Amino acid sequence: MAKNILITGAAGFLGSHLSDRFIKEGFNVIGMDNFITGDHKNIEHLQDHPQFKFIEHDVTEHITIEGDLHYILHFASPASPIDYLKIPIQTLKVGSLGTHNLLGLAKAKKARLLIASTSEVYGDPLVHPQTEDYYGNVNTIGPRGVYDEAKRFQESITMAYHRFHGLETRIVRIFNTYGPRMRLNDGRVIPAFMGQALRGEDLTVFGDGSQTRSFCYVDDQVEGIYRLLFSDYAYPVNIGNPHEISISDFAEEIIKLTNTDQKVIYKDLPVDDPMQRQPDISLAKKLLGWEPKIDRKEGMAITFDYFKNLSEEELYKSEHKDFTKHIRK
């Protein structure tokens, strides 16, 4: 009989791709999202699928699921700086109250829970590349702390439930991931650069461009998460692409890929923006037999094809979503 899995943040970028994967693997998927940052169009293709059921709900409120539940993937959270800097309290709540609610649900249903943590738990790292045993360098009271600390607390409470209640839990630390269904102009590097290129604008680099990132294509990320869920390992695991590139060099790659002639302009670096991001994936290789297969050139070409086929309305739409209807007064 098919197993049932709840995926929170199902209308988001990663959540929607995970929904696709688990349906393909024969699971009955219950998608949950309150659309504070998710998008209906990401799951439109699943609305009539017999293995997909959708519940519009805020995970910071009590969660009720009827019937058996075997697995939970907690991917509900703002993930871009534009979002979590605009809705800081909601970001903290989804990492704390939301995670607590889902841990309680997992305990009641005897389900295995995998939480989506992030490389941001490492802050602006003093260790490079970042290994899972590095504790991080995070400014708890800085503007980015609302996201970083929400994820760090999420890891802590998950491990507490694992140790105290014997709950089956998994923790994935996700490094920069990209691909179709990313929201254009959400403040992250790839959609920001591609949106600017498609609109004929100069590409904006913050700082001097020497800071680095490592970009993992979404199919590789989903494969790593899938393998981790069914592993026997409860501690955090880095899933990302270790191929590192400076932001300046990456901007030049985008200009070449999009066949445009924009200039690169430089602006002040945001507070606490990390200077280096590169995962050490030795543990994922050993534990899961996983490493990324899709190189950046191939993945970026697929992603650009997706963005260039967006409507003019989507291309020029403001980067700022209207969050007011989702925020409790």
C-alpha atoms as a PDB file:
ATOM      1  CA  MET A   1       0.000   0.000   0.000  1.00  0.00           C
ATOM      2  CA  ALA A   2       1.240   3.489  -0.859  1.00  0.00           C
ATOM      3  CA  LYS A   3       2.818   5.461   1.980  1.00  0.00           C
ATOM      4  CA  ASN A   4       1.553   8.934   2.912  1.00  0.00           C
ATOM      5  CA  ILE A   5       3.892  11.918   3.137  1.00  0.00           C
ATOM      6  CA  LEU A   6       3.178  15.486   4.244  1.00  0.00           C
ATOM      7  CA  ILE A   7       5.261  18.193   2.542  1.00  0.00           C
ATOM      8  CA  THR A   8       5.021  21.664   4.076  1.00  0.00           C
ATOM      9  CA  GLY A   9       5.941  24.580   1.853  1.00  0.00           C
ATOM     10  CA  ALA A  10       4.652  22.476  -1.051  1.00  0.00           C
ATOM     11  CA  ALA A  11       3.894  25.516  -3.229  1.00  0.00           C
ATOM     12  CA  GLY A  12       7.453  26.782  -2.876  1.00  0.00           C
ATOM     13  CA  PHE A  13      10.405  26.158  -5.163  1.00  0.00           C
ATOM     14  CA  LEU A  14      11.866  23.100  -3.454  1.00  0.00           C
ATOM     15  CA  GLY A  15       8.590  21.887  -1.970  1.00  0.00           C
ATOM     16  CA  SER A  16       6.932  21.624  -5.375  1.00  0.00           C
ATOM     17  CA  HIS A  17       9.850  19.676  -6.849  1.00  0.00           C
ATOM     18  CA  LEU A  18       9.812  17.333  -3.854  1.00  0.00           C
ATOM     19  CA  SER A  19       6.074  16.804  -4.356  1.00  0.00           C
ATOM     20  CA  ASP A  20       6.769  15.774  -7.950  1.00  0.00           C
ATOM     21  CA  ARG A  21       9.485  13.363  -6.898  1.00  0.00           C
ATOM     22  CA  PHE A  22       7.501  11.607  -4.200  1.00  0.00           C
ATOM     23  CA  ILE A  23       4.465  11.237  -6.460  1.00  0.00           C
ATOM     24  CA  LYS A  24       6.764   9.714  -9.068  1.00  0.00           C
ATOM     25  CA  GLU A  25       8.025   7.277  -6.425  1.00  0.00           C
ATOM     26  CA  GLY A  26       4.452   6.157  -5.690  1.00  0.00           C
ATOM     27  CA  PHE A  27       3.707   8.094  -2.498  1.00  0.00           C
ATOM     28  CA  ASN A  28       0.455   9.808  -1.633  1.00  0.00           C
ATOM     29  CA  VAL A  29       1.505  13.426  -1.140  1.00  0.00           C
ATOM     30  CA  ILE A  30      -0.292  15.860   1.134  1.00  0.00           C
ATOM     31  CA  GLY A  31       0.935  19.336   0.247  1.00  0.00           C
ATOM     32  CA  MET A  32       0.584  22.156   2.771  1.00  0.00           C
ATOM     33  CA  ASP A  33       1.250  25.865   2.246  1.00  0.00           C
ATOM     34  CA  ASN A  34      -0.224  29.214   3.263  1.00  0.00           C
ATOM     35  CA  PHE A  35       1.165  30.955   0.138  1.00  0.00           C
ATOM     36  CA  ILE A  36       2.988  33.609   2.130  1.00  0.00           C
ATOM     37  CA  THR A  37       5.936  33.058  -0.224  1.00  0.00           C
ATOM     38  CA  GLY A  38       4.734  30.036  -2.214  1.00  0.00           C
ATOM     39  CA  ASP A  39       2.991  30.291  -5.578  1.00  0.00           C
ATOM     40  CA  HIS A  40      -0.162  28.530  -6.782  1.00  0.00           C
ATOM     41  CA  LYS A  41       1.334  28.013 -10.231  1.00  0.00           C
ATOM     42  CA  ASN A  42       4.070  25.759  -8.798  1.00  0.00           C
ATOM     43  CA  ILE A  43       1.476  23.090  -7.981  1.00  0.00           C
ATOM     44  CA  GLU A  44      -1.173  23.749 -10.633  1.00  0.00           C
ATOM     45  CA  HIS A  45      -0.061  20.656 -12.530  1.00  0.00           C
ATOM     46  CA  LEU A  46      -0.766  18.519  -9.452  1.00  0.00           C
ATOM     47  CA  GLN A  47      -4.232  19.788  -8.531  1.00  0.00           C
ATOM     48  CA  ASP A  48      -6.108  16.902 -10.208  1.00  0.00           C
ATOM     49  CA  HIS A  49      -3.491  14.237  -9.569  1.00  0.00           C
ATOM     50  CA  PRO A  50      -4.974  11.270  -7.680  1.00  0.00           C
ATOM     51  CA  GLN A  51      -1.857  11.009  -5.464  1.00  0.00           C
ATOM     52  CA  PHE A  52      -1.892  14.676  -4.455  1.00  0.00           C
ATOM     53  CA  LYS A  53      -4.023  16.418  -1.859  1.00  0.00           C
ATOM     54  CA  PHE A  54      -3.520  20.055  -0.910  1.00  0.00           C
ATOM     55  CA  ILE A  55      -4.287  21.789   2.377  1.00  0.00           C
ATOM     56  CA  GLU A  56      -3.951  25.572   2.656  1.00  0.00           C
ATOM     57  CA  HIS A  57      -2.710  26.088   6.190  1.00  0.00           C
ATOM     58  CA  ASP A  58      -0.179  28.000   8.279  1.00  0.00           C
ATOM     59  CA  VAL A  59       2.058  25.496  10.074  1.00  0.00           C
ATOM     60  CA  THR A  60       2.463  27.852  13.026  1.00  0.00           C
ATOM     61  CA  GLU A  61      -1.167  27.002  13.846  1.00  0.00           C
ATOM     62  CA  HIS A  62      -2.297  23.573  15.116  1.00  0.00           C
ATOM     63  CA  ILE A  63      -2.039  20.907  12.407  1.00  0.00           C
ATOM     64  CA  THR A  64      -4.525  18.066  11.995  1.00  0.00           C
ATOM     65  CA  ILE A  65      -4.052  15.299   9.417  1.00  0.00           C
ATOM     66  CA  GLU A  66      -6.625  12.540   9.130  1.00  0.00           C
ATOM     67  CA  GLY A  67      -5.514   8.940   8.748  1.00  0.00           C
ATOM     68  CA  ASP A  68      -2.068   7.419   8.604  1.00  0.00           C
ATOM     69  CA  LEU A  69       1.004   9.535   8.037  1.00  0.00           C
ATOM     70  CA  HIS A  70       4.375   7.891   7.470  1.00  0.00           C
ATOM     71  CA  TYR A  71       6.737  10.756   6.582  1.00  0.00           C
ATOM     72  CA  ILE A  72       6.895  14.549   6.940  1.00  0.00           C
ATOM     73  CA  LEU A  73       9.141  16.973   5.055  1.00  0.00           C
ATOM     74  CA  HIS A  74       9.193  20.406   6.703  1.00  0.00           C
ATOM     75  CA  PHE A  75      10.064  22.908   3.968  1.00  0.00           C
ATOM     76  CA  ALA A  76       7.795  25.779   5.010  1.00  0.00           C
ATOM     77  CA  SER A  77       9.884  28.923   5.471  1.00  0.00           C
ATOM     78  CA  PRO A  78      10.787  32.131   3.669  1.00  0.00           C
ATOM     79  CA  ALA A  79      14.160  31.466   2.069  1.00  0.00           C
ATOM     80  CA  SER A  80      15.191  34.691   0.374  1.00  0.00           C
ATOM     81  CA  PRO A  81      16.569  37.767   2.154  1.00  0.00           C
ATOM     82  CA  ILE A  82      13.889  40.010   0.642  1.00  0.00           C
ATOM     83  CA  ASP A  83      11.212  37.809   2.197  1.00  0.00           C
ATOM     84  CA  TYR A  84      12.616  37.112   5.624  1.00  0.00           C
ATOM     85  CA  LEU A  85      13.785  40.687   6.159  1.00  0.00           C
ATOM     86  CA  LYS A  86      10.256  41.896   5.406  1.00  0.00           C
ATOM     87  CA  ILE A  87       8.489  39.275   7.544  1.00  0.00           C
ATOM     88  CA  PRO A  88      11.020  38.610  10.319  1.00  0.00           C
ATOM     89  CA  ILE A  89       8.562  37.503  13.002  1.00  0.00           C
ATOM     90  CA  GLN A  90       6.774  35.075  10.693  1.00  0.00           C
ATOM     91  CA  THR A  91      10.180  33.662   9.703  1.00  0.00           C
ATOM     92  CA  LEU A  92      11.053  33.050  13.349  1.00  0.00           C
ATOM     93  CA  LYS A  93       7.641  31.538  14.042  1.00  0.00           C
ATOM     94  CA  VAL A  94       7.733  29.030  11.187  1.00  0.00           C
ATOM     95  CA  GLY A  95      11.149  27.807  12.354  1.00  0.00           C
ATOM     96  CA  SER A  96      10.094  27.543  15.991  1.00  0.00           C
ATOM     97  CA  LEU A  97       6.321  27.151  16.434  1.00  0.00           C
ATOM     98  CA  GLY A  98       5.917  25.506  13.034  1.00  0.00           C
ATOM     99  CA  THR A  99       8.662  22.997  13.699  1.00  0.00           C
ATOM    100  CA  HIS A 100       7.273  22.290  17.181  1.00  0.00           C
ATOM    101  CA  ASN A 101       3.825  21.597  15.705  1.00  0.00           C
ATOM    102  CA  LEU A 102       5.248  19.230  13.107  1.00  0.00           C
ATOM    103  CA  LEU A 103       7.376  17.398  15.664  1.00  0.00           C
ATOM    104  CA  GLY A 104       4.246  16.888  17.744  1.00  0.00           C
ATOM    105  CA  LEU A 105       2.390  15.617  14.690  1.00  0.00           C
ATOM    106  CA  ALA A 106       5.237  13.256  13.813  1.00  0.00           C
ATOM    107  CA  LYS A 107       5.257  11.929  17.380  1.00  0.00           C
ATOM    108  CA  ALA A 108       1.479  11.367  17.369  1.00  0.00           C
ATOM    109  CA  LYS A 109       1.545   9.658  13.969  1.00  0.00           C
ATOM    110  CA  LYS A 110       4.828   7.783  14.554  1.00  0.00           C
ATOM    111  CA  ALA A 111       6.088   9.387  11.350  1.00  0.00           C
ATOM    112  CA  ARG A 112       9.658  10.147  10.313  1.00  0.00           C
ATOM    113  CA  LEU A 113      10.325  13.889  10.006  1.00  0.00           C
ATOM    114  CA  LEU A 114      12.960  15.538   7.830  1.00  0.00           C
ATOM    115  CA  ILE A 115      13.555  19.251   8.358  1.00  0.00           C
ATOM    116  CA  ALA A 116      15.036  21.641   5.834  1.00  0.00           C
ATOM    117  CA  SER A 117      17.877  23.466   7.503  1.00  0.00           C
ATOM    118  CA  THR A 118      20.306  25.662   5.607  1.00  0.00           C
ATOM    119  CA  SER A 119      23.932  26.594   5.105  1.00  0.00           C
ATOM    120  CA  GLU A 120      22.985  29.876   6.792  1.00  0.00           C
ATOM    121  CA  VAL A 121      23.430  28.121  10.150  1.00  0.00           C
ATOM    122  CA  TYR A 122      27.162  28.576   9.451  1.00  0.00           C
ATOM    123  CA  GLY A 123      26.727  32.363   9.223  1.00  0.00           C
ATOM    124  CA  ASP A 124      29.767  34.152   7.808  1.00  0.00           C
ATOM    125  CA  PRO A 125      32.027  31.115   8.202  1.00  0.00           C
ATOM    126  CA  LEU A 126      35.510  31.068   9.650  1.00  0.00           C
ATOM    127  CA  VAL A 127      35.959  27.502   8.370  1.00  0.00           C
ATOM    128  CA  HIS A 128      36.139  26.770   4.651  1.00  0.00           C
ATOM    129  CA  PRO A 129      34.684  24.654   3.149  1.00  0.00           C
ATOM    130  CA  GLN A 130      31.945  24.163   5.709  1.00  0.00           C
ATOM    131  CA  THR A 131      31.683  20.793   7.425  1.00  0.00           C
ATOM    132  CA  GLU A 132      28.747  19.574   9.491  1.00  0.00           C
ATOM    133  CA  ASP A 133      30.755  19.705  12.719  1.00  0.00           C
ATOM    134  CA  TYR A 134      31.430  23.459  12.347  1.00  0.00           C
ATOM    135  CA  TYR A 135      29.260  25.424  14.806  1.00  0.00           C
ATOM    136  CA  GLY A 136      29.103  28.589  12.726  1.00  0.00           C
ATOM    137  CA  ASN A 137      29.656  32.316  13.097  1.00  0.00           C
ATOM    138  CA  VAL A 138      26.211  33.919  13.341  1.00  0.00           C
ATOM    139  CA  ASN A 139      25.196  37.390  14.505  1.00  0.00           C
ATOM    140  CA  THR A 140      22.124  36.549  16.587  1.00  0.00           C
ATOM    141  CA  ILE A 141      20.838  40.140  16.654  1.00  0.00           C
ATOM    142  CA  GLY A 142      21.679  41.141  13.089  1.00  0.00           C
ATOM    143  CA  PRO A 143      18.953  41.479  10.424  1.00  0.00           C
ATOM    144  CA  ARG A 144      19.755  38.038   8.980  1.00  0.00           C
ATOM    145  CA  GLY A 145      19.585  36.477  12.454  1.00  0.00           C
ATOM    146  CA  VAL A 146      15.824  35.985  12.119  1.00  0.00           C
ATOM    147  CA  TYR A 147      16.444  33.346   9.452  1.00  0.00           C
ATOM    148  CA  ASP A 148      19.758  31.948  10.696  1.00  0.00           C
ATOM    149  CA  GLU A 149      18.588  31.520  14.280  1.00  0.00           C
ATOM    150  CA  ALA A 150      15.186  30.143  13.265  1.00  0.00           C
ATOM    151  CA  LYS A 151      17.021  27.374  11.446  1.00  0.00           C
ATOM    152  CA  ARG A 152      19.498  26.788  14.261  1.00  0.00           C
ATOM    153  CA  PHE A 153      16.648  26.506  16.769  1.00  0.00           C
ATOM    154  CA  GLN A 154      14.866  24.189  14.351  1.00  0.00           C
ATOM    155  CA  GLU A 155      17.855  21.859  14.397  1.00  0.00           C
ATOM    156  CA  SER A 156      18.073  21.996  18.205  1.00  0.00           C
ATOM    157  CA  ILE A 157      14.435  21.177  18.899  1.00  0.00           C
ATOM    158  CA  THR A 158      14.491  18.423  16.291  1.00  0.00           C
ATOM    159  CA  MET A 159      17.463  16.780  17.968  1.00  0.00           C
ATOM    160  CA  ALA A 160      15.761  17.191  21.369  1.00  0.00           C
ATOM    161  CA  TYR A 161      12.723  15.265  20.116  1.00  0.00           C
ATOM    162  CA  HIS A 162      14.994  12.633  18.615  1.00  0.00           C
ATOM    163  CA  ARG A 163      16.936  12.148  21.855  1.00  0.00           C
ATOM    164  CA  PHE A 164      14.110  12.556  24.378  1.00  0.00           C
ATOM    165  CA  HIS A 165      11.201  10.946  22.531  1.00  0.00           C
ATOM    166  CA  GLY A 166      13.127   8.612  20.230  1.00  0.00           C
ATOM    167  CA  LEU A 167      11.495  10.300  17.224  1.00  0.00           C
ATOM    168  CA  GLU A 168      12.893   9.382  13.815  1.00  0.00           C
ATOM    169  CA  THR A 169      14.297  12.645  12.455  1.00  0.00           C
ATOM    170  CA  ARG A 170      16.571  13.785   9.634  1.00  0.00           C
ATOM    171  CA  ILE A 171      18.222  17.174   9.064  1.00  0.00           C
ATOM    172  CA  VAL A 172      19.362  18.431   5.662  1.00  0.00           C
ATOM    173  CA  ARG A 173      21.535  21.534   5.457  1.00  0.00           C
ATOM    174  CA  ILE A 174      20.729  22.968   2.054  1.00  0.00           C
ATOM    175  CA  PHE A 175      23.253  25.078   0.180  1.00  0.00           C
ATOM    176  CA  ASN A 176      22.293  27.477  -2.643  1.00  0.00           C
ATOM    177  CA  THR A 177      19.909  25.625  -4.943  1.00  0.00           C
ATOM    178  CA  TYR A 178      18.496  26.789  -8.274  1.00  0.00           C
ATOM    179  CA  GLY A 179      16.287  25.704 -11.147  1.00  0.00           C
ATOM    180  CA  PRO A 180      12.822  26.185 -12.654  1.00  0.00           C
ATOM    181  CA  ARG A 181      10.077  27.581 -10.376  1.00  0.00           C
ATOM    182  CA  MET A 182      12.366  29.944  -8.524  1.00  0.00           C
ATOM    183  CA  ARG A 183      10.605  33.262  -8.020  1.00  0.00           C
ATOM    184  CA  LEU A 184      12.113  35.885 -10.260  1.00  0.00           C
ATOM    185  CA  ASN A 185      13.484  38.916  -8.409  1.00  0.00           C
ATOM    186  CA  ASP A 186      13.261  37.285  -4.977  1.00  0.00           C
ATOM    187  CA  GLY A 187      16.633  38.698  -3.994  1.00  0.00           C
ATOM    188  CA  ARG A 188      18.682  35.548  -4.462  1.00  0.00           C
ATOM    189  CA  VAL A 189      21.651  35.697  -6.806  1.00  0.00           C
ATOM    190  CA  ILE A 190      20.487  33.606  -9.760  1.00  0.00           C
ATOM    191  CA  PRO A 191      16.954  34.946 -10.259  1.00  0.00           C
ATOM    192  CA  ALA A 192      18.190  38.489  -9.552  1.00  0.00           C
ATOM    193  CA  PHE A 193      20.889  38.280 -12.231  1.00  0.00           C
ATOM    194  CA  MET A 194      18.638  36.560 -14.756  1.00  0.00           C
ATOM    195  CA  GLY A 195      15.808  39.024 -14.222  1.00  0.00           C
ATOM    196  CA  GLN A 196      18.172  41.951 -14.717  1.00  0.00           C
ATOM    197  CA  ALA A 197      19.659  40.380 -17.858  1.00  0.00           C
ATOM    198  CA  LEU A 198      16.248  39.666 -19.378  1.00  0.00           C
ATOM    199  CA  ARG A 199      15.074  43.227 -18.686  1.00  0.00           C
ATOM    200  CA  GLY A 200      18.260  44.701 -20.158  1.00  0.00           C
ATOM    201  CA  GLU A 201      19.412  46.105 -16.818  1.00  0.00           C
ATOM    202  CA  ASP A 202      22.942  46.175 -15.457  1.00  0.00           C
ATOM    203  CA  LEU A 203      23.763  43.282 -13.120  1.00  0.00           C
ATOM    204  CA  THR A 204      24.054  44.327  -9.484  1.00  0.00           C
ATOM    205  CA  VAL A 205      26.876  42.834  -7.427  1.00  0.00           C
ATOM    206  CA  PHE A 206      26.987  43.629  -3.723  1.00  0.00           C
ATOM    207  CA  GLY A 207      30.411  44.246  -2.217  1.00  0.00           C
ATOM    208  CA  ASP A 208      33.465  43.827  -4.411  1.00  0.00           C
ATOM    209  CA  GLY A 209      32.218  40.533  -5.864  1.00  0.00           C
ATOM    210  CA  SER A 210      34.939  38.435  -4.265  1.00  0.00           C
ATOM    211  CA  GLN A 211      32.437  36.622  -2.043  1.00  0.00           C
ATOM    212  CA  THR A 212      31.739  33.075  -3.188  1.00  0.00           C
ATOM    213  CA  ARG A 213      28.733  30.812  -3.617  1.00  0.00           C
ATOM    214  CA  SER A 214      28.254  27.186  -4.647  1.00  0.00           C
ATOM    215  CA  PHE A 215      25.141  26.448  -6.704  1.00  0.00           C
ATOM    216  CA  CYS A 216      23.341  23.085  -6.765  1.00  0.00           C
ATOM    217  CA  TYR A 217      20.755  22.227  -9.437  1.00  0.00           C
ATOM    218  CA  VAL A 218      17.349  21.361  -8.009  1.00  0.00           C
ATOM    219  CA  ASP A 219      17.216  17.759  -9.316  1.00  0.00           C
ATOM    220  CA  ASP A 220      20.491  16.983  -7.548  1.00  0.00           C
ATOM    221  CA  GLN A 221      19.231  18.603  -4.353  1.00  0.00           C
ATOM    222  CA  VAL A 222      15.992  16.592  -4.442  1.00  0.00           C
ATOM    223  CA  GLU A 223      17.930  13.368  -4.962  1.00  0.00           C
ATOM    224  CA  GLY A 224      20.103  14.107  -1.931  1.00  0.00           C
ATOM    225  CA  ILE A 225      17.074  14.886   0.233  1.00  0.00           C
ATOM    226  CA  TYR A 226      15.317  11.722  -0.941  1.00  0.00           C
ATOM    227  CA  ARG A 227      18.294   9.557  -0.033  1.00  0.00           C
ATOM    228  CA  LEU A 228      18.729  11.254   3.341  1.00  0.00           C
ATOM    229  CA  LEU A 229      15.091  10.662   4.304  1.00  0.00           C
ATOM    230  CA  PHE A 230      15.556   6.921   3.896  1.00  0.00           C
ATOM    231  CA  SER A 231      18.957   6.776   5.551  1.00  0.00           C
ATOM    232  CA  ASP A 232      19.537   5.820   9.188  1.00  0.00           C
ATOM    233  CA  TYR A 233      21.359   9.060  10.064  1.00  0.00           C
ATOM    234  CA  ALA A 234      19.764  11.605  12.426  1.00  0.00           C
ATOM    235  CA  TYR A 235      22.426  14.324  12.431  1.00  0.00           C
ATOM    236  CA  PRO A 236      22.775  17.191   9.910  1.00  0.00           C
ATOM    237  CA  VAL A 237      24.038  16.452   6.412  1.00  0.00           C
ATOM    238  CA  ASN A 238      25.233  19.046   3.894  1.00  0.00           C
ATOM    239  CA  ILE A 239      23.578  18.733   0.494  1.00  0.00           C
ATOM    240  CA  GLY A 240      24.983  21.123  -2.087  1.00  0.00           C
ATOM    241  CA  ASN A 241      27.390  21.475  -4.973  1.00  0.00           C
ATOM    242  CA  PRO A 242      31.006  22.012  -3.849  1.00  0.00           C
ATOM    243  CA  HIS A 243      31.994  23.824  -7.067  1.00  0.00           C
ATOM    244  CA  GLU A 244      32.659  27.346  -5.767  1.00  0.00           C
ATOM    245  CA  ILE A 245      32.599  30.566  -7.822  1.00  0.00           C
ATOM    246  CA  SER A 246      32.970  34.251  -6.979  1.00  0.00           C
ATOM    247  CA  ILE A 247      29.930  36.467  -7.510  1.00  0.00           C
ATOM    248  CA  SER A 248      31.869  38.659  -9.970  1.00  0.00           C
ATOM    249  CA  ASP A 249      32.813  35.669 -12.091  1.00  0.00           C
ATOM    250  CA  PHE A 250      29.278  34.373 -11.881  1.00  0.00           C
ATOM    251  CA  ALA A 251      27.891  37.695 -13.131  1.00  0.00           C
ATOM    252  CA  GLU A 252      30.149  37.376 -16.181  1.00  0.00           C
ATOM    253  CA  GLU A 253      28.843  33.830 -16.716  1.00  0.00           C
ATOM    254  CA  ILE A 254      25.276  35.129 -16.714  1.00  0.00           C
ATOM    255  CA  ILE A 255      26.100  37.843 -19.252  1.00  0.00           C
ATOM    256  CA  LYS A 256      27.643  35.211 -21.508  1.00  0.00           C
ATOM    257  CA  LEU A 257      24.776  32.742 -21.025  1.00  0.00           C
ATOM    258  CA  THR A 258      22.091  35.338 -21.770  1.00  0.00           C
ATOM    259  CA  ASN A 259      24.063  36.781 -24.690  1.00  0.00           C
ATOM    260  CA  THR A 260      23.596  40.305 -23.398  1.00  0.00           C
ATOM    261  CA  ASP A 261      26.006  43.201 -23.076  1.00  0.00           C
ATOM    262  CA  GLN A 262      25.082  44.594 -19.678  1.00  0.00           C
ATOM    263  CA  LYS A 263      27.621  46.041 -17.342  1.00  0.00           C
ATOM    264  CA  VAL A 264      28.227  44.890 -13.783  1.00  0.00           C
ATOM    265  CA  ILE A 265      27.625  47.553 -11.156  1.00  0.00           C
ATOM    266  CA  TYR A 266      28.689  47.348  -7.526  1.00  0.00           C
ATOM    267  CA  LYS A 267      26.756  48.327  -4.399  1.00  0.00           C
ATOM    268  CA  ASP A 268      27.434  48.098  -0.667  1.00  0.00           C
ATOM    269  CA  LEU A 269      27.458  44.630   0.834  1.00  0.00           C
ATOM    270  CA  PRO A 270      24.421  43.908   3.071  1.00  0.00           C
ATOM    271  CA  VAL A 271      25.004  43.451   6.807  1.00  0.00           C
ATOM    272  CA  ASP A 272      26.340  39.990   7.751  1.00  0.00           C
ATOM    273  CA  ASP A 273      26.317  38.748   4.148  1.00  0.00           C
ATOM    274  CA  PRO A 274      28.568  35.650   4.180  1.00  0.00           C
ATOM    275  CA  MET A 275      31.827  35.949   2.280  1.00  0.00           C
ATOM    276  CA  GLN A 276      32.198  32.243   1.528  1.00  0.00           C
ATOM    277  CA  ARG A 277      29.799  29.384   0.841  1.00  0.00           C
ATOM    278  CA  GLN A 278      31.126  25.975  -0.100  1.00  0.00           C
ATOM    279  CA  PRO A 279      29.842  22.696   1.289  1.00  0.00           C
ATOM    280  CA  ASP A 280      32.062  19.856   2.308  1.00  0.00           C
ATOM    281  CA  ILE A 281      29.959  16.918   1.062  1.00  0.00           C
ATOM    282  CA  SER A 282      32.260  14.125   2.240  1.00  0.00           C
ATOM    283  CA  LEU A 283      29.576  12.892   4.642  1.00  0.00           C
ATOM    284  CA  ALA A 284      26.864  12.811   1.957  1.00  0.00           C
ATOM    285  CA  LYS A 285      29.183  10.869  -0.356  1.00  0.00           C
ATOM    286  CA  LYS A 286      30.023   8.327   2.335  1.00  0.00           C
ATOM    287  CA  LEU A 287      26.594   8.048   3.946  1.00  0.00           C
ATOM    288  CA  LEU A 288      24.268   8.409   0.958  1.00  0.00           C
ATOM    289  CA  GLY A 289      26.464   7.655  -2.030  1.00  0.00           C
ATOM    290  CA  TRP A 290      25.369  11.090  -3.249  1.00  0.00           C
ATOM    291  CA  GLU A 291      27.078  13.863  -5.133  1.00  0.00           C
ATOM    292  CA  PRO A 292      25.734  16.341  -7.692  1.00  0.00           C
ATOM    293  CA  LYS A 293      25.596  15.147 -11.302  1.00  0.00           C
ATOM    294  CA  ILE A 294      24.441  18.250 -13.177  1.00  0.00           C
ATOM    295  CA  ASP A 295      27.164  20.823 -13.813  1.00  0.00           C
ATOM    296  CA  ARG A 296      26.473  24.536 -13.591  1.00  0.00           C
ATOM    297  CA  LYS A 297      26.575  25.132 -17.351  1.00  0.00           C
ATOM    298  CA  GLU A 298      23.846  22.565 -18.001  1.00  0.00           C
ATOM    299  CA  GLY A 299      21.703  23.554 -15.023  1.00  0.00           C
ATOM    300  CA  MET A 300      21.944  27.269 -15.760  1.00  0.00           C
ATOM    301  CA  ALA A 301      20.883  26.721 -19.389  1.00  0.00           C
ATOM    302  CA  ILE A 302      17.737  24.891 -18.219  1.00  0.00           C
ATOM    303  CA  THR A 303      17.010  27.601 -15.664  1.00  0.00           C
ATOM    304  CA  PHE A 304      17.478  30.409 -18.169  1.00  0.00           C
ATOM    305  CA  ASP A 305      15.080  28.693 -20.587  1.00  0.00           C
ATOM    306  CA  TYR A 306      12.507  28.680 -17.798  1.00  0.00           C
ATOM    307  CA  PHE A 307      12.954  32.362 -16.954  1.00  0.00           C
ATOM    308  CA  LYS A 308      12.988  33.611 -20.552  1.00  0.00           C
ATOM    309  CA  ASN A 309       9.606  31.964 -21.152  1.00  0.00           C
ATOM    310  CA  LEU A 310       7.941  33.872 -18.313  1.00  0.00           C
ATOM    311  CA  SER A 311       5.306  36.418 -19.251  1.00  0.00           C
ATOM    312  CA  GLU A 312       6.183  40.095 -19.458  1.00  0.00           C
ATOM    313  CA  GLU A 313       4.012  40.656 -16.386  1.00  0.00           C
ATOM    314  CA  GLU A 314       6.063  38.129 -14.388  1.00  0.00           C
ATOM    315  CA  LEU A 315       9.322  39.551 -15.709  1.00  0.00           C
ATOM    316  CA  TYR A 316       8.533  43.065 -14.526  1.00  0.00           C
ATOM    317  CA  LYS A 317       6.540  42.159 -11.415  1.00  0.00           C
ATOM    318  CA  SER A 318       7.778  43.756  -8.202  1.00  0.00           C
ATOM    319  CA  GLU A 319      10.146  41.660  -6.125  1.00  0.00           C
ATOM    320  CA  HIS A 320       8.071  42.467  -3.039  1.00  0.00           C
ATOM    321  CA  LYS A 321       5.087  40.187  -2.418  1.00  0.00           C
ATOM    322  CA  ASP A 322       2.097  41.506  -0.493  1.00  0.00           C
ATOM    323  CA  PHE A 323       2.422  39.710   2.830  1.00  0.00           C
ATOM    324  CA  THR A 324      -0.267  41.665   4.688  1.00  0.00           C
ATOM    325  CA  LYS A 325      -3.119  39.207   4.168  1.00  0.00           C
ATOM    326  CA  HIS A 326      -1.021  36.401   5.671  1.00  0.00           C
ATOM    327  CA  ILE A 327       0.045  38.225   8.836  1.00  0.00           C
ATOM    328  CA  ARG A 328      -2.045  37.940  11.954  1.00  0.00           C
ATOM    329  CA  LYS A 329      -2.792  41.292  13.541  1.00  0.00           C
END
